[in-house]
């Protein structure tokens, strides 16, 4: 997260080391929530798909012409830890899988979960996409299902699905950014 976001936080004196010496520190216990400015509009957000290797600061620059607004993207999407909650690049994901499971073939050969297929993805007459729905089941139940009604998901597939699910984010419309920054300053500098 950029320094701007934390620069907006008030400072407090606190004995961090419990040695009787007070230090002037940022009060990270405060948390700003998007509310008044954004809630008064029907749809202040729009969908965005994070491309492979794309970072929040580059998206902020592309969308808002200000790379320091990466914190706004994290805040909008309830991302607390960008290292964990942001989608990994394909290369980083592959390294992560190898570190976690020993190798790609091991991850591909190890079952993560068994699923019963409730319905396959379909498209309605009006073009609406009905997503595939599944239900996680135990191995015994899985073995009683027909081949077309079941699927087993490997650790490799699971990690890829999990990472891909993080690619769908929301962005705040550029029209609201200046109001949010103003409100942020008012909240944190209210004294």
N, C-alpha and C. Protein backbone atom coordinates (compact mmCIF):
# COMPACT_ATOMS: atom_id res chain seq x y z
N UNK A 1 0.84 -1.17 0.00
CA UNK A 1 0.00 0.00 0.00
C UNK A 1 0.89 1.24 0.00
N UNK A 2 0.45 2.22 -0.69
CA UNK A 2 1.26 3.42 -0.81
C UNK A 2 1.32 4.18 0.51
N UNK A 3 2.30 5.04 0.59
CA UNK A 3 2.48 5.83 1.80
C UNK A 3 1.35 6.83 2.01
N UNK A 4 0.72 7.30 0.92
CA UNK A 4 -0.33 8.31 1.07
C UNK A 4 -1.40 7.86 2.04
N UNK A 5 -1.84 6.63 1.90
CA UNK A 5 -2.91 6.13 2.76
C UNK A 5 -2.51 6.21 4.22
N UNK A 6 -1.33 5.73 4.56
CA UNK A 6 -0.90 5.75 5.95
C UNK A 6 -0.47 7.15 6.39
N UNK A 7 -0.05 7.97 5.45
CA UNK A 7 0.28 9.35 5.79
C UNK A 7 -0.96 10.10 6.28
N UNK A 8 -2.12 9.66 5.84
CA UNK A 8 -3.38 10.30 6.23
C UNK A 8 -3.80 9.93 7.65
N UNK A 9 -3.24 8.88 8.20
CA UNK A 9 -3.61 8.45 9.55
C UNK A 9 -3.04 9.41 10.58
N UNK A 10 -3.77 9.66 11.67
CA UNK A 10 -3.22 10.52 12.73
C UNK A 10 -2.08 9.82 13.46
N UNK A 11 -1.28 10.61 14.13
CA UNK A 11 -0.15 10.07 14.89
C UNK A 11 -0.52 10.10 16.37
N UNK A 12 0.00 9.14 17.11
CA UNK A 12 -0.21 9.06 18.55
C UNK A 12 1.12 8.74 19.22
N UNK A 13 1.20 9.05 20.50
CA UNK A 13 2.40 8.65 21.25
C UNK A 13 2.09 7.34 21.95
N UNK A 14 3.05 6.42 21.88
CA UNK A 14 2.83 5.09 22.42
C UNK A 14 4.17 4.48 22.83
N UNK A 15 4.14 3.72 23.90
CA UNK A 15 5.34 3.03 24.39
C UNK A 15 5.42 1.66 23.71
N UNK A 16 5.96 1.63 22.50
CA UNK A 16 6.01 0.40 21.70
C UNK A 16 6.87 -0.66 22.37
N UNK A 17 8.02 -0.29 22.83
CA UNK A 17 8.97 -1.26 23.40
C UNK A 17 8.73 -1.54 24.88
N UNK A 18 7.71 -0.93 25.45
CA UNK A 18 7.36 -1.11 26.87
C UNK A 18 8.55 -0.80 27.77
N UNK A 19 9.28 0.27 27.40
CA UNK A 19 10.46 0.66 28.18
C UNK A 19 10.30 2.04 28.82
N UNK A 20 9.07 2.58 28.79
CA UNK A 20 8.81 3.88 29.38
C UNK A 20 9.09 5.05 28.46
N UNK A 21 9.59 4.80 27.25
CA UNK A 21 9.89 5.87 26.30
C UNK A 21 8.78 5.93 25.26
N UNK A 22 8.09 7.07 25.24
CA UNK A 22 7.01 7.24 24.28
C UNK A 22 7.56 7.61 22.91
N UNK A 23 6.96 7.03 21.88
CA UNK A 23 7.36 7.33 20.51
C UNK A 23 6.14 7.83 19.75
N UNK A 24 6.38 8.72 18.79
CA UNK A 24 5.33 9.25 17.94
C UNK A 24 5.15 8.27 16.77
N UNK A 25 4.00 7.58 16.72
CA UNK A 25 3.77 6.54 15.72
C UNK A 25 2.44 6.76 15.01
N UNK A 26 2.30 6.12 13.86
CA UNK A 26 1.05 6.18 13.10
C UNK A 26 0.01 5.30 13.79
N UNK A 27 -1.18 5.84 13.97
CA UNK A 27 -2.26 5.09 14.59
C UNK A 27 -2.91 4.19 13.54
N UNK A 28 -2.41 2.97 13.43
CA UNK A 28 -2.93 2.03 12.42
C UNK A 28 -4.21 1.34 12.87
N UNK A 29 -4.67 1.66 14.05
CA UNK A 29 -5.91 1.05 14.56
C UNK A 29 -7.14 1.65 13.89
N UNK A 30 -6.99 2.82 13.28
CA UNK A 30 -8.10 3.42 12.55
C UNK A 30 -8.21 2.75 11.18
N UNK A 31 -9.42 2.64 10.69
CA UNK A 31 -9.61 2.08 9.36
C UNK A 31 -10.71 2.87 8.67
N UNK A 32 -10.41 3.32 7.50
CA UNK A 32 -11.38 4.08 6.71
C UNK A 32 -12.24 3.10 5.92
N UNK A 33 -13.53 3.37 5.86
CA UNK A 33 -14.45 2.57 5.05
C UNK A 33 -15.10 3.51 4.05
N UNK A 34 -15.27 3.00 2.84
CA UNK A 34 -15.97 3.78 1.84
C UNK A 34 -17.42 3.83 2.24
N UNK A 35 -17.93 5.01 2.52
CA UNK A 35 -19.34 5.04 2.89
C UNK A 35 -20.11 6.19 2.30
N UNK A 36 -20.13 7.32 2.92
CA UNK A 36 -21.04 8.41 2.56
C UNK A 36 -20.98 8.77 1.07
N UNK A 37 -19.81 8.99 0.56
CA UNK A 37 -19.67 9.41 -0.83
C UNK A 37 -20.18 8.32 -1.77
N UNK A 38 -19.75 7.10 -1.52
CA UNK A 38 -20.03 6.00 -2.42
C UNK A 38 -21.44 5.45 -2.26
N UNK A 39 -21.92 5.34 -1.05
CA UNK A 39 -23.21 4.71 -0.80
C UNK A 39 -24.39 5.49 -1.35
N UNK A 40 -24.21 6.76 -1.60
CA UNK A 40 -25.33 7.56 -2.10
C UNK A 40 -25.57 7.37 -3.60
N UNK A 41 -24.73 6.60 -4.26
CA UNK A 41 -24.89 6.35 -5.69
C UNK A 41 -25.22 4.89 -5.94
N UNK A 42 -25.98 4.64 -6.97
CA UNK A 42 -26.44 3.28 -7.28
C UNK A 42 -25.28 2.37 -7.67
N UNK A 43 -24.39 2.84 -8.52
CA UNK A 43 -23.32 1.97 -9.00
C UNK A 43 -22.01 2.73 -9.16
N UNK A 44 -21.31 2.97 -8.07
CA UNK A 44 -20.05 3.70 -8.17
C UNK A 44 -18.88 2.81 -8.60
N UNK A 45 -19.12 1.50 -8.71
CA UNK A 45 -18.08 0.55 -9.04
C UNK A 45 -18.21 0.04 -10.46
N UNK A 46 -17.12 -0.48 -10.98
CA UNK A 46 -17.18 -1.22 -12.23
C UNK A 46 -16.23 -2.41 -12.11
N UNK A 47 -16.52 -3.45 -12.89
CA UNK A 47 -15.73 -4.67 -12.84
C UNK A 47 -14.41 -4.48 -13.58
N UNK A 48 -13.41 -5.19 -13.08
CA UNK A 48 -12.09 -5.16 -13.69
C UNK A 48 -11.46 -6.53 -13.52
N UNK A 49 -10.79 -7.01 -14.56
CA UNK A 49 -10.10 -8.29 -14.48
C UNK A 49 -8.60 -8.02 -14.46
N UNK A 50 -7.93 -8.47 -13.39
CA UNK A 50 -6.50 -8.28 -13.24
C UNK A 50 -5.79 -9.24 -14.19
N UNK A 51 -4.97 -8.69 -15.08
CA UNK A 51 -4.22 -9.51 -16.03
C UNK A 51 -3.00 -10.12 -15.34
N UNK A 52 -2.44 -11.13 -15.96
CA UNK A 52 -1.28 -11.82 -15.40
C UNK A 52 -0.14 -10.84 -15.14
N UNK A 53 0.32 -10.78 -13.90
CA UNK A 53 1.44 -9.94 -13.52
C UNK A 53 1.09 -8.49 -13.25
N UNK A 54 -0.15 -8.12 -13.42
CA UNK A 54 -0.57 -6.73 -13.20
C UNK A 54 -0.60 -6.43 -11.70
N UNK A 55 -0.15 -5.23 -11.34
CA UNK A 55 -0.12 -4.83 -9.94
C UNK A 55 -1.13 -3.72 -9.69
N UNK A 56 -1.48 -3.53 -8.43
CA UNK A 56 -2.46 -2.50 -8.06
C UNK A 56 -1.96 -1.10 -8.41
N UNK A 57 -0.68 -0.84 -8.25
CA UNK A 57 -0.18 0.50 -8.55
C UNK A 57 -0.24 0.79 -10.06
N UNK A 58 -0.01 -0.22 -10.89
CA UNK A 58 -0.10 0.01 -12.33
C UNK A 58 -1.55 0.18 -12.77
N UNK A 59 -2.45 -0.55 -12.13
CA UNK A 59 -3.88 -0.37 -12.41
C UNK A 59 -4.31 1.03 -11.98
N UNK A 60 -3.88 1.45 -10.79
CA UNK A 60 -4.22 2.79 -10.29
C UNK A 60 -3.73 3.87 -11.26
N UNK A 61 -2.53 3.69 -11.78
CA UNK A 61 -2.02 4.67 -12.73
C UNK A 61 -2.84 4.66 -14.02
N UNK A 62 -3.15 3.47 -14.51
CA UNK A 62 -3.92 3.36 -15.74
C UNK A 62 -5.34 3.88 -15.61
N UNK A 63 -5.95 3.67 -14.47
CA UNK A 63 -7.36 4.06 -14.28
C UNK A 63 -7.52 5.46 -13.69
N UNK A 64 -6.60 5.84 -12.79
CA UNK A 64 -6.74 7.12 -12.09
C UNK A 64 -5.60 8.10 -12.37
N UNK A 65 -4.63 7.67 -13.16
CA UNK A 65 -3.44 8.46 -13.47
C UNK A 65 -2.66 8.83 -12.21
N UNK A 66 -2.69 7.94 -11.21
CA UNK A 66 -1.98 8.16 -9.95
C UNK A 66 -1.66 6.81 -9.32
N UNK A 67 -0.40 6.40 -9.43
CA UNK A 67 -0.02 5.08 -8.91
C UNK A 67 -0.15 4.99 -7.38
N UNK A 68 -0.16 6.13 -6.68
CA UNK A 68 -0.27 6.08 -5.22
C UNK A 68 -1.67 5.72 -4.75
N UNK A 69 -2.63 5.62 -5.65
CA UNK A 69 -3.99 5.24 -5.27
C UNK A 69 -4.19 3.72 -5.26
N UNK A 70 -3.10 2.98 -5.23
CA UNK A 70 -3.21 1.52 -5.12
C UNK A 70 -3.97 1.13 -3.85
N UNK A 71 -3.82 1.90 -2.78
CA UNK A 71 -4.53 1.61 -1.53
C UNK A 71 -6.04 1.66 -1.72
N UNK A 72 -6.52 2.53 -2.64
CA UNK A 72 -7.95 2.63 -2.90
C UNK A 72 -8.47 1.34 -3.54
N UNK A 73 -7.68 0.74 -4.39
CA UNK A 73 -8.04 -0.54 -5.01
C UNK A 73 -8.10 -1.63 -3.94
N UNK A 74 -7.11 -1.65 -3.06
CA UNK A 74 -7.12 -2.64 -1.97
C UNK A 74 -8.33 -2.43 -1.06
N UNK A 75 -8.59 -1.20 -0.71
CA UNK A 75 -9.70 -0.87 0.18
C UNK A 75 -11.04 -1.25 -0.44
N UNK A 76 -11.22 -0.93 -1.69
CA UNK A 76 -12.47 -1.23 -2.40
C UNK A 76 -12.75 -2.72 -2.42
N UNK A 77 -11.70 -3.54 -2.48
CA UNK A 77 -11.85 -4.98 -2.60
C UNK A 77 -11.58 -5.74 -1.31
N UNK A 78 -11.55 -5.02 -0.18
CA UNK A 78 -11.30 -5.62 1.13
C UNK A 78 -10.03 -6.45 1.16
N UNK A 79 -8.99 -5.96 0.51
CA UNK A 79 -7.70 -6.64 0.49
C UNK A 79 -6.87 -6.10 1.64
N UNK A 80 -6.62 -6.95 2.61
CA UNK A 80 -5.84 -6.57 3.79
C UNK A 80 -4.35 -6.83 3.54
N UNK A 81 -4.05 -7.98 2.97
CA UNK A 81 -2.67 -8.39 2.72
C UNK A 81 -2.47 -8.60 1.22
N UNK A 82 -1.92 -7.60 0.51
CA UNK A 82 -1.75 -7.73 -0.93
C UNK A 82 -0.87 -8.91 -1.33
N UNK A 83 0.04 -9.32 -0.47
CA UNK A 83 0.89 -10.46 -0.80
C UNK A 83 0.08 -11.75 -0.86
N UNK A 84 -1.00 -11.83 -0.11
CA UNK A 84 -1.81 -13.04 -0.05
C UNK A 84 -3.11 -12.91 -0.85
N UNK A 85 -3.72 -11.73 -0.82
CA UNK A 85 -5.05 -11.55 -1.41
C UNK A 85 -5.03 -11.10 -2.87
N UNK A 86 -3.90 -10.66 -3.37
CA UNK A 86 -3.81 -10.22 -4.76
C UNK A 86 -3.42 -11.41 -5.63
N UNK A 87 -3.94 -11.51 -6.87
CA UNK A 87 -3.60 -12.66 -7.71
C UNK A 87 -2.11 -12.70 -8.05
N UNK A 88 -1.54 -13.89 -7.99
CA UNK A 88 -0.14 -14.07 -8.34
C UNK A 88 0.01 -14.15 -9.86
N UNK A 89 1.18 -13.77 -10.35
CA UNK A 89 1.47 -13.99 -11.76
C UNK A 89 1.58 -15.50 -11.98
N UNK A 90 1.45 -15.95 -13.21
CA UNK A 90 1.51 -17.38 -13.49
C UNK A 90 2.86 -17.96 -13.05
N UNK A 91 3.93 -17.22 -13.29
CA UNK A 91 5.26 -17.67 -12.90
C UNK A 91 5.38 -17.80 -11.38
N UNK A 92 4.89 -16.80 -10.65
CA UNK A 92 4.93 -16.84 -9.18
C UNK A 92 4.05 -17.96 -8.66
N UNK A 93 2.89 -18.17 -9.28
CA UNK A 93 2.00 -19.25 -8.87
C UNK A 93 2.67 -20.61 -9.04
N UNK A 94 3.35 -20.80 -10.15
CA UNK A 94 4.04 -22.08 -10.39
C UNK A 94 5.10 -22.33 -9.31
N UNK A 95 5.86 -21.30 -8.98
CA UNK A 95 6.89 -21.43 -7.93
C UNK A 95 6.24 -21.73 -6.58
N UNK A 96 5.12 -21.07 -6.30
CA UNK A 96 4.38 -21.29 -5.05
C UNK A 96 3.91 -22.75 -4.95
N UNK A 97 3.36 -23.27 -6.05
CA UNK A 97 2.86 -24.66 -6.07
C UNK A 97 4.01 -25.64 -5.84
N UNK A 98 5.14 -25.40 -6.49
CA UNK A 98 6.31 -26.28 -6.31
C UNK A 98 6.78 -26.25 -4.86
N UNK A 99 6.83 -25.05 -4.29
CA UNK A 99 7.27 -24.93 -2.88
C UNK A 99 6.28 -25.62 -1.93
N UNK A 100 4.99 -25.49 -2.20
CA UNK A 100 3.96 -26.05 -1.31
C UNK A 100 3.80 -27.56 -1.46
N UNK A 101 3.88 -28.07 -2.70
CA UNK A 101 3.59 -29.48 -2.94
C UNK A 101 4.79 -30.31 -3.38
N UNK A 102 5.92 -29.67 -3.60
CA UNK A 102 7.12 -30.41 -3.99
C UNK A 102 7.41 -30.35 -5.48
N UNK A 103 6.37 -30.45 -6.30
CA UNK A 103 6.54 -30.37 -7.75
C UNK A 103 5.17 -30.16 -8.40
N UNK A 104 5.19 -29.74 -9.65
CA UNK A 104 3.95 -29.57 -10.40
C UNK A 104 3.27 -30.93 -10.61
N UNK A 105 4.01 -31.97 -11.05
CA UNK A 105 3.35 -33.28 -11.23
C UNK A 105 2.72 -33.83 -9.95
N UNK A 106 3.35 -33.59 -8.81
CA UNK A 106 2.77 -34.04 -7.54
C UNK A 106 1.46 -33.31 -7.27
N UNK A 107 1.45 -32.00 -7.50
CA UNK A 107 0.23 -31.21 -7.28
C UNK A 107 -0.87 -31.65 -8.25
N UNK A 108 -0.49 -31.98 -9.48
CA UNK A 108 -1.47 -32.43 -10.47
C UNK A 108 -2.03 -33.81 -10.14
N UNK A 109 -1.24 -34.64 -9.47
CA UNK A 109 -1.65 -36.02 -9.18
C UNK A 109 -2.34 -36.17 -7.82
N UNK A 110 -2.34 -35.11 -7.00
CA UNK A 110 -2.93 -35.18 -5.67
C UNK A 110 -4.33 -34.57 -5.67
N UNK A 111 -5.30 -35.34 -5.21
CA UNK A 111 -6.68 -34.86 -5.18
C UNK A 111 -6.85 -33.87 -4.03
N UNK A 112 -7.40 -32.73 -4.35
CA UNK A 112 -7.71 -31.74 -3.32
C UNK A 112 -9.12 -31.97 -2.78
N UNK A 113 -10.08 -32.19 -3.71
CA UNK A 113 -11.46 -32.43 -3.28
C UNK A 113 -12.24 -33.13 -4.39
N UNK A 114 -13.32 -33.74 -3.98
CA UNK A 114 -14.25 -34.39 -4.90
C UNK A 114 -15.49 -33.52 -4.99
N UNK A 115 -16.05 -33.41 -6.21
CA UNK A 115 -17.22 -32.57 -6.39
C UNK A 115 -18.32 -33.31 -7.15
N UNK A 116 -19.55 -33.03 -6.75
CA UNK A 116 -20.73 -33.46 -7.48
C UNK A 116 -21.12 -32.28 -8.37
N UNK A 117 -21.32 -32.53 -9.66
CA UNK A 117 -21.70 -31.47 -10.58
C UNK A 117 -23.21 -31.30 -10.51
N UNK A 118 -23.66 -30.14 -10.06
CA UNK A 118 -25.09 -29.85 -9.95
C UNK A 118 -25.64 -29.40 -11.30
N UNK A 119 -24.90 -28.55 -11.99
CA UNK A 119 -25.25 -28.17 -13.36
C UNK A 119 -24.00 -27.65 -14.06
N UNK A 120 -23.94 -27.91 -15.36
CA UNK A 120 -22.84 -27.40 -16.18
C UNK A 120 -23.15 -25.94 -16.52
N UNK A 121 -22.13 -25.21 -16.93
CA UNK A 121 -22.34 -23.83 -17.37
C UNK A 121 -23.25 -23.84 -18.59
N UNK A 122 -24.18 -22.90 -18.65
CA UNK A 122 -25.07 -22.80 -19.80
C UNK A 122 -25.36 -21.33 -20.10
N UNK A 123 -25.93 -21.10 -21.26
CA UNK A 123 -26.28 -19.75 -21.68
C UNK A 123 -27.78 -19.71 -21.95
N UNK A 124 -28.45 -18.77 -21.30
CA UNK A 124 -29.89 -18.61 -21.50
C UNK A 124 -30.18 -17.92 -22.83
N UNK A 125 -31.42 -17.93 -23.24
CA UNK A 125 -31.84 -17.33 -24.51
C UNK A 125 -31.48 -15.86 -24.63
N UNK A 126 -31.39 -15.15 -23.49
CA UNK A 126 -31.07 -13.72 -23.53
C UNK A 126 -29.56 -13.45 -23.41
N UNK A 127 -28.77 -14.51 -23.42
CA UNK A 127 -27.32 -14.36 -23.35
C UNK A 127 -26.74 -14.43 -21.94
N UNK A 128 -27.61 -14.53 -20.93
CA UNK A 128 -27.16 -14.63 -19.55
C UNK A 128 -26.42 -15.95 -19.35
N UNK A 129 -25.24 -15.87 -18.77
CA UNK A 129 -24.44 -17.08 -18.51
C UNK A 129 -24.79 -17.60 -17.13
N UNK A 130 -25.22 -18.85 -17.09
CA UNK A 130 -25.48 -19.53 -15.82
C UNK A 130 -24.22 -20.32 -15.50
N UNK A 131 -23.51 -19.95 -14.42
CA UNK A 131 -22.24 -20.62 -14.14
C UNK A 131 -22.41 -22.07 -13.69
N UNK A 132 -21.37 -22.83 -13.90
CA UNK A 132 -21.34 -24.21 -13.42
C UNK A 132 -21.43 -24.20 -11.90
N UNK A 133 -22.22 -25.12 -11.35
CA UNK A 133 -22.33 -25.23 -9.90
C UNK A 133 -21.95 -26.64 -9.49
N UNK A 134 -21.17 -26.71 -8.42
CA UNK A 134 -20.75 -28.01 -7.88
C UNK A 134 -20.93 -28.02 -6.38
N UNK A 135 -20.85 -29.20 -5.83
CA UNK A 135 -20.96 -29.40 -4.39
C UNK A 135 -19.82 -30.31 -3.97
N UNK A 136 -19.06 -29.91 -2.96
CA UNK A 136 -17.96 -30.75 -2.48
C UNK A 136 -18.56 -31.93 -1.72
N UNK A 137 -18.09 -33.13 -2.06
CA UNK A 137 -18.58 -34.36 -1.43
C UNK A 137 -17.39 -35.18 -0.95
N UNK A 138 -17.66 -36.19 -0.13
CA UNK A 138 -16.60 -37.08 0.31
C UNK A 138 -16.32 -38.12 -0.78
N UNK A 139 -15.24 -38.86 -0.62
CA UNK A 139 -14.83 -39.82 -1.65
C UNK A 139 -15.85 -40.94 -1.85
N UNK A 140 -16.48 -41.38 -0.78
CA UNK A 140 -17.49 -42.44 -0.88
C UNK A 140 -18.66 -41.98 -1.73
N UNK A 141 -19.17 -40.79 -1.48
CA UNK A 141 -20.27 -40.25 -2.27
C UNK A 141 -19.82 -40.05 -3.72
N UNK A 142 -18.63 -39.55 -3.90
CA UNK A 142 -18.07 -39.34 -5.24
C UNK A 142 -18.08 -40.65 -6.03
N UNK A 143 -17.68 -41.74 -5.39
CA UNK A 143 -17.61 -43.04 -6.07
C UNK A 143 -18.98 -43.59 -6.46
N UNK A 144 -20.05 -43.11 -5.83
CA UNK A 144 -21.40 -43.58 -6.17
C UNK A 144 -22.00 -42.80 -7.34
N UNK A 145 -21.39 -41.69 -7.71
CA UNK A 145 -21.91 -40.84 -8.78
C UNK A 145 -21.44 -41.33 -10.15
N UNK A 146 -22.26 -41.05 -11.16
CA UNK A 146 -21.85 -41.40 -12.52
C UNK A 146 -20.73 -40.47 -12.98
N UNK A 147 -20.02 -40.90 -14.01
CA UNK A 147 -18.89 -40.13 -14.54
C UNK A 147 -19.27 -38.70 -14.94
N UNK A 148 -20.47 -38.52 -15.48
CA UNK A 148 -20.86 -37.18 -15.94
C UNK A 148 -21.35 -36.28 -14.81
N UNK A 149 -21.57 -36.84 -13.63
CA UNK A 149 -22.06 -36.07 -12.49
C UNK A 149 -21.00 -35.78 -11.44
N UNK A 150 -19.75 -36.06 -11.76
CA UNK A 150 -18.71 -35.88 -10.75
C UNK A 150 -17.41 -35.39 -11.39
N UNK A 151 -16.57 -34.82 -10.52
CA UNK A 151 -15.22 -34.45 -10.93
C UNK A 151 -14.33 -34.41 -9.71
N UNK A 152 -13.07 -34.77 -9.91
CA UNK A 152 -12.11 -34.63 -8.82
C UNK A 152 -11.18 -33.47 -9.20
N UNK A 153 -10.84 -32.69 -8.22
CA UNK A 153 -10.03 -31.50 -8.43
C UNK A 153 -8.66 -31.71 -7.79
N UNK A 154 -7.63 -31.56 -8.59
CA UNK A 154 -6.27 -31.73 -8.09
C UNK A 154 -5.84 -30.49 -7.30
N UNK A 155 -4.78 -30.65 -6.53
CA UNK A 155 -4.21 -29.50 -5.81
C UNK A 155 -3.80 -28.42 -6.81
N UNK A 156 -3.26 -28.84 -7.95
CA UNK A 156 -2.84 -27.89 -8.98
C UNK A 156 -4.03 -27.08 -9.50
N UNK A 157 -5.10 -27.76 -9.84
CA UNK A 157 -6.31 -27.09 -10.34
C UNK A 157 -6.90 -26.19 -9.27
N UNK A 158 -6.93 -26.67 -8.04
CA UNK A 158 -7.47 -25.88 -6.93
C UNK A 158 -6.69 -24.56 -6.78
N UNK A 159 -5.37 -24.63 -6.76
CA UNK A 159 -4.55 -23.42 -6.59
C UNK A 159 -4.76 -22.46 -7.76
N UNK A 160 -4.89 -22.98 -8.97
CA UNK A 160 -5.15 -22.13 -10.13
C UNK A 160 -6.53 -21.49 -10.05
N UNK A 161 -7.55 -22.25 -9.66
CA UNK A 161 -8.90 -21.70 -9.51
C UNK A 161 -8.93 -20.61 -8.44
N UNK A 162 -8.27 -20.88 -7.32
CA UNK A 162 -8.23 -19.91 -6.23
C UNK A 162 -7.55 -18.62 -6.68
N UNK A 163 -6.43 -18.74 -7.37
CA UNK A 163 -5.72 -17.56 -7.87
C UNK A 163 -6.56 -16.81 -8.90
N UNK A 164 -7.21 -17.54 -9.80
CA UNK A 164 -8.04 -16.89 -10.82
C UNK A 164 -9.24 -16.17 -10.21
N UNK A 165 -9.76 -16.71 -9.11
CA UNK A 165 -10.92 -16.06 -8.46
C UNK A 165 -10.56 -14.68 -7.92
N UNK A 166 -9.28 -14.44 -7.68
CA UNK A 166 -8.83 -13.14 -7.17
C UNK A 166 -8.67 -12.11 -8.28
N UNK A 167 -8.79 -12.54 -9.53
CA UNK A 167 -8.61 -11.64 -10.66
C UNK A 167 -9.81 -10.73 -10.89
N UNK A 168 -10.98 -11.13 -10.45
CA UNK A 168 -12.19 -10.32 -10.60
C UNK A 168 -12.25 -9.32 -9.45
N UNK A 169 -12.02 -8.06 -9.77
CA UNK A 169 -12.07 -7.02 -8.73
C UNK A 169 -13.04 -5.93 -9.15
N UNK A 170 -13.28 -5.03 -8.22
CA UNK A 170 -14.11 -3.85 -8.48
C UNK A 170 -13.21 -2.63 -8.38
N UNK A 171 -13.49 -1.66 -9.22
CA UNK A 171 -12.80 -0.38 -9.13
C UNK A 171 -13.84 0.71 -8.92
N UNK A 172 -13.44 1.74 -8.21
CA UNK A 172 -14.29 2.91 -7.98
C UNK A 172 -14.21 3.78 -9.23
N UNK A 173 -15.33 4.27 -9.67
CA UNK A 173 -15.36 5.18 -10.80
C UNK A 173 -14.50 6.40 -10.49
N UNK A 174 -13.76 6.84 -11.48
CA UNK A 174 -12.86 7.98 -11.32
C UNK A 174 -13.59 9.23 -10.83
N UNK A 175 -14.88 9.33 -11.11
CA UNK A 175 -15.68 10.49 -10.68
C UNK A 175 -15.73 10.63 -9.16
N UNK A 176 -15.52 9.56 -8.42
CA UNK A 176 -15.65 9.58 -6.97
C UNK A 176 -14.32 9.76 -6.23
N UNK A 177 -13.22 9.64 -6.92
CA UNK A 177 -11.91 9.62 -6.26
C UNK A 177 -11.63 10.91 -5.49
N UNK A 178 -11.85 12.07 -6.08
CA UNK A 178 -11.54 13.32 -5.37
C UNK A 178 -12.42 13.47 -4.13
N UNK A 179 -13.69 13.05 -4.20
CA UNK A 179 -14.57 13.12 -3.02
C UNK A 179 -14.10 12.17 -1.92
N UNK A 180 -13.65 10.99 -2.32
CA UNK A 180 -13.15 10.01 -1.34
C UNK A 180 -11.90 10.54 -0.66
N UNK A 181 -11.00 11.13 -1.43
CA UNK A 181 -9.77 11.68 -0.84
C UNK A 181 -10.09 12.81 0.12
N UNK A 182 -11.05 13.65 -0.23
CA UNK A 182 -11.48 14.74 0.65
C UNK A 182 -12.08 14.17 1.93
N UNK A 183 -12.95 13.20 1.81
CA UNK A 183 -13.57 12.58 2.98
C UNK A 183 -12.52 11.90 3.87
N UNK A 184 -11.56 11.26 3.25
CA UNK A 184 -10.49 10.60 3.99
C UNK A 184 -9.72 11.61 4.83
N UNK A 185 -9.39 12.74 4.23
CA UNK A 185 -8.67 13.78 4.98
C UNK A 185 -9.52 14.32 6.13
N UNK A 186 -10.81 14.51 5.89
CA UNK A 186 -11.69 15.02 6.93
C UNK A 186 -11.81 14.04 8.09
N UNK A 187 -11.88 12.76 7.80
CA UNK A 187 -12.01 11.74 8.84
C UNK A 187 -10.76 11.66 9.68
N UNK A 188 -9.60 11.63 9.04
CA UNK A 188 -8.36 11.43 9.76
C UNK A 188 -7.79 12.69 10.37
N UNK A 189 -8.18 13.85 9.86
CA UNK A 189 -7.64 15.09 10.42
C UNK A 189 -8.69 15.86 11.20
N UNK A 190 -9.74 15.18 11.56
CA UNK A 190 -10.82 15.77 12.34
C UNK A 190 -10.34 15.94 13.78
N UNK A 191 -10.18 17.13 14.21
CA UNK A 191 -9.75 17.39 15.59
C UNK A 191 -10.26 18.71 16.07
